[in-house]
Every structure is written in structure tokens, then in C-alpha cells.
Amino acid sequence: MAKLDKAKEYIGVLKMYLGLITALIISDLAGVAKLFNSSNIGVSFWLGIVTLVVLTYSFGKLSRYTHKKINELEDL
């Protein structure tokens, strides 16, 4: 039973990280949109775009890993 509880706690932490990455993506997207609307396309804009790509990739990898861990709960 302790192994199952540990696995559930680990998945809960992964979900928290997914929520954090989601919030970062939303706030970064808002910042990039504001820079685009003000026609201020400079270093900050492109840094925001790169950050969006990295955060989106991280979200996808972490999401895939979380689903894998959830499917492994069936074995416990």
C-alpha cells in the first residue's frame, strides 16, 4: 500500500509542475502578444518566442511522462 501512495504523491507533484508550466505559458504568451501589438519586435519579443517553444516542449514531455506513470499504477 505504501508503494501505491508514494506513486500517487509523485503523480500529484507532476500535476503541480504541469500547472506551473501552463501558467508560465499563458503569461509568456500575454507578454509576447503585448509586444507584438505595440510593434515592439526586438530582442524581448524573440526571447519570449523561444521561451514559449521551450515551455511548450517541456509541457508535452512532462505530460507524456505523467500519463506513463498513471498507466503504471495499474501494475501496483
Protein backbone atom coordinates (compact mmCIF):
# COMPACT_ATOMS: atom_id res chain seq x y z
CA MET A 1 0.00 0.00 0.00
CA ALA A 2 2.86 2.39 0.74
CA LYS A 3 4.20 1.96 -2.79
CA LEU A 4 0.83 2.96 -4.23
CA ASP A 5 0.62 6.05 -2.01
CA LYS A 6 4.13 7.07 -3.00
CA ALA A 7 3.27 6.72 -6.69
CA LYS A 8 0.10 8.79 -6.23
CA GLU A 9 2.04 11.51 -4.42
CA TYR A 10 4.63 11.57 -7.21
CA ILE A 11 1.90 11.94 -9.83
CA GLY A 12 0.39 14.77 -7.77
CA VAL A 13 3.70 16.61 -7.84
CA LEU A 14 3.95 16.11 -11.59
CA LYS A 15 0.46 17.58 -11.98
CA MET A 16 1.55 20.61 -9.96
CA TYR A 17 4.51 21.10 -12.30
CA LEU A 18 2.16 20.86 -15.29
CA GLY A 19 0.01 23.59 -13.75
CA LEU A 20 3.06 25.78 -13.19
CA ILE A 21 4.23 25.34 -16.77
CA THR A 22 0.71 26.14 -18.00
CA ALA A 23 0.67 29.39 -16.03
CA LEU A 24 4.11 30.30 -17.39
CA ILE A 25 2.98 29.62 -20.97
CA ILE A 26 -0.11 31.81 -20.53
CA SER A 27 1.81 34.70 -19.00
CA ASP A 28 4.59 34.49 -21.59
CA LEU A 29 2.03 34.39 -24.40
CA ALA A 30 0.37 37.51 -23.00
CA GLY A 31 3.72 39.29 -22.87
CA VAL A 32 4.61 38.32 -26.43
CA ALA A 33 1.18 39.42 -27.66
CA LYS A 34 1.57 42.78 -25.91
CA LEU A 35 4.97 43.31 -27.52
CA PHE A 36 3.58 42.34 -30.93
CA ASN A 37 0.59 44.69 -30.61
CA SER A 38 2.83 47.60 -29.68
CA SER A 39 5.05 46.86 -32.71
CA ASN A 40 7.98 46.39 -30.37
CA ILE A 41 9.53 43.39 -32.08
CA GLY A 42 13.01 43.26 -30.67
CA VAL A 43 15.13 41.01 -28.52
CA SER A 44 12.46 40.68 -25.81
CA PHE A 45 9.89 39.54 -28.36
CA TRP A 46 12.13 36.85 -29.83
CA LEU A 47 13.28 35.73 -26.39
CA GLY A 48 9.61 35.33 -25.48
CA ILE A 49 9.00 33.25 -28.61
CA VAL A 50 11.94 30.97 -27.79
CA THR A 51 10.70 30.66 -24.21
CA LEU A 52 7.25 29.69 -25.49
CA VAL A 53 8.73 26.95 -27.65
CA VAL A 54 10.81 25.59 -24.76
CA LEU A 55 7.89 25.70 -22.31
CA THR A 56 5.53 24.04 -24.79
CA TYR A 57 8.05 21.28 -25.46
CA SER A 58 8.58 20.81 -21.70
CA PHE A 59 4.82 20.62 -21.16
CA GLY A 60 4.48 17.93 -23.81
CA LYS A 61 7.32 15.82 -22.43
CA LEU A 62 6.12 16.14 -18.82
CA SER A 63 2.54 15.39 -19.84
CA ARG A 64 3.61 12.26 -21.69
CA TYR A 65 5.70 11.15 -18.69
CA THR A 66 2.80 11.78 -16.31
CA HIS A 67 0.44 9.68 -18.42
CA LYS A 68 3.03 6.90 -18.47
CA LYS A 69 3.24 6.97 -14.67
CA ILE A 70 -0.55 6.94 -14.35
CA ASN A 71 -0.73 3.88 -16.59
CA GLU A 72 1.93 2.18 -14.43
CA LEU A 73 -0.43 2.48 -11.42
CA GLU A 74 -2.42 -0.42 -12.83
CA ASP A 75 0.54 -2.70 -12.13
CA LEU A 76 0.63 -1.75 -8.44
